[in-house]
Amino acid sequence: MKLLVAIIRAQDTDSILTALVEADFGVTHIASTGGFLRRGNATLLIATEDDRIDTAVEVIREAASPPDENQRRATVFVLKLEEFEKL
C-alpha cells in the first residue's frame, strides 16, 4: 500500500478531485499555500494499492490544466504506507 501526496494548483482542484473519485480513488483534500510567490495550492492525500499508483498519477496528469510558464501542474510524492485503517 502506498500514500500519494499530490500538491496541485488550486485552480485544478475540482477537476482533479472529480477525476480521482470517478476512477474509484479515495482522496482527502487539504487547502495549502507554498512556493516563493505564496500561490494557492491544494494537497491531496490518496491511499492506494501499489498496482494503482501509475493510474492515479495518470488521472492527475490528464485532469490538470496545461502548465503556465515556469509552473508545474503537480508534484506527486509516493510514500510507503505501513498501516491503513478506515474507522
Protein backbone atom coordinates (compact mmCIF):
# COMPACT_ATOMS: atom_id res chain seq x y z
CA MET A 1 0.00 0.00 0.00
CA LYS A 2 1.23 3.50 -0.84
CA LEU A 3 0.27 7.04 0.06
CA LEU A 4 0.39 9.58 -2.74
CA VAL A 5 0.77 13.19 -1.64
CA ALA A 6 -0.08 15.38 -4.60
CA ILE A 7 0.45 19.14 -4.47
CA ILE A 8 -1.60 20.74 -7.22
CA ARG A 9 -2.62 24.23 -8.28
CA ALA A 10 -5.80 25.47 -6.58
CA GLN A 11 -7.41 26.10 -9.98
CA ASP A 12 -7.18 22.37 -10.80
CA THR A 13 -8.64 21.10 -7.54
CA ASP A 14 -12.21 20.45 -8.69
CA SER A 15 -11.30 18.74 -11.95
CA ILE A 16 -8.65 16.50 -10.35
CA LEU A 17 -10.85 15.58 -7.37
CA THR A 18 -13.73 14.69 -9.70
CA ALA A 19 -11.49 12.59 -11.94
CA LEU A 20 -9.95 10.71 -8.99
CA VAL A 21 -13.36 9.93 -7.46
CA GLU A 22 -14.69 8.77 -10.85
CA ALA A 23 -11.65 6.48 -11.14
CA ASP A 24 -12.59 4.99 -7.72
CA PHE A 25 -9.80 6.57 -5.65
CA GLY A 26 -10.43 7.77 -2.13
CA VAL A 27 -8.92 11.21 -1.69
CA THR A 28 -8.61 13.81 1.06
CA HIS A 29 -8.20 17.48 0.07
CA ILE A 30 -6.25 19.96 2.20
CA ALA A 31 -6.00 23.62 1.18
CA SER A 32 -2.38 24.76 1.28
CA THR A 33 -0.08 27.60 0.28
CA GLY A 34 3.51 27.35 -0.77
CA GLY A 35 6.29 28.37 -3.03
CA PHE A 36 8.16 31.58 -3.42
CA LEU A 37 5.10 33.56 -4.56
CA ARG A 38 2.75 32.04 -1.95
CA ARG A 39 0.25 30.93 -4.58
CA GLY A 40 -2.76 28.87 -3.62
CA ASN A 41 -2.25 25.14 -3.76
CA ALA A 42 -4.17 22.07 -2.73
CA THR A 43 -2.64 18.99 -1.16
CA LEU A 44 -4.31 15.68 -1.93
CA LEU A 45 -3.79 12.53 0.11
CA ILE A 46 -4.51 9.33 -1.80
CA ALA A 47 -4.03 5.88 -0.26
CA THR A 48 -3.92 3.15 -2.89
CA GLU A 49 -2.62 -0.29 -3.72
CA ASP A 50 0.84 -0.49 -5.29
CA ASP A 51 -0.52 -1.58 -8.67
CA ARG A 52 -2.77 1.51 -8.96
CA ILE A 53 -0.08 4.17 -8.46
CA ASP A 54 0.52 4.71 -12.18
CA THR A 55 -3.22 5.00 -12.76
CA ALA A 56 -3.61 7.66 -10.06
CA VAL A 57 -0.70 9.69 -11.43
CA GLU A 58 -2.12 9.45 -14.95
CA VAL A 59 -5.56 10.61 -13.74
CA ILE A 60 -3.91 13.65 -12.11
CA ARG A 61 -1.86 14.35 -15.25
CA GLU A 62 -4.91 14.21 -17.54
CA ALA A 63 -7.21 16.25 -15.28
CA ALA A 64 -4.74 19.09 -14.62
CA SER A 65 -4.86 22.11 -16.88
CA PRO A 66 -1.83 22.83 -19.12
CA PRO A 67 1.16 24.28 -17.25
CA ASP A 68 1.76 28.01 -17.09
CA GLU A 69 5.21 29.34 -17.87
CA ASN A 70 7.68 28.25 -15.17
CA GLN A 71 4.99 26.46 -13.17
CA ARG A 72 4.39 22.74 -12.67
CA ARG A 73 0.96 21.19 -12.92
CA ALA A 74 1.54 18.94 -9.92
CA THR A 75 4.17 17.48 -7.65
CA VAL A 76 3.47 13.92 -6.51
CA PHE A 77 5.26 12.11 -3.70
CA VAL A 78 4.81 8.34 -3.29
CA LEU A 79 5.33 7.11 0.26
CA LYS A 80 5.32 3.60 1.67
CA LEU A 81 2.30 3.15 3.90
CA GLU A 82 2.86 0.85 6.88
CA GLU A 83 -0.75 0.75 8.08
CA PHE A 84 -4.10 1.98 6.82
CA GLU A 85 -7.46 1.80 8.61
CA LYS A 86 -10.86 3.23 7.82
CA LEU A 87 -12.72 3.97 11.06
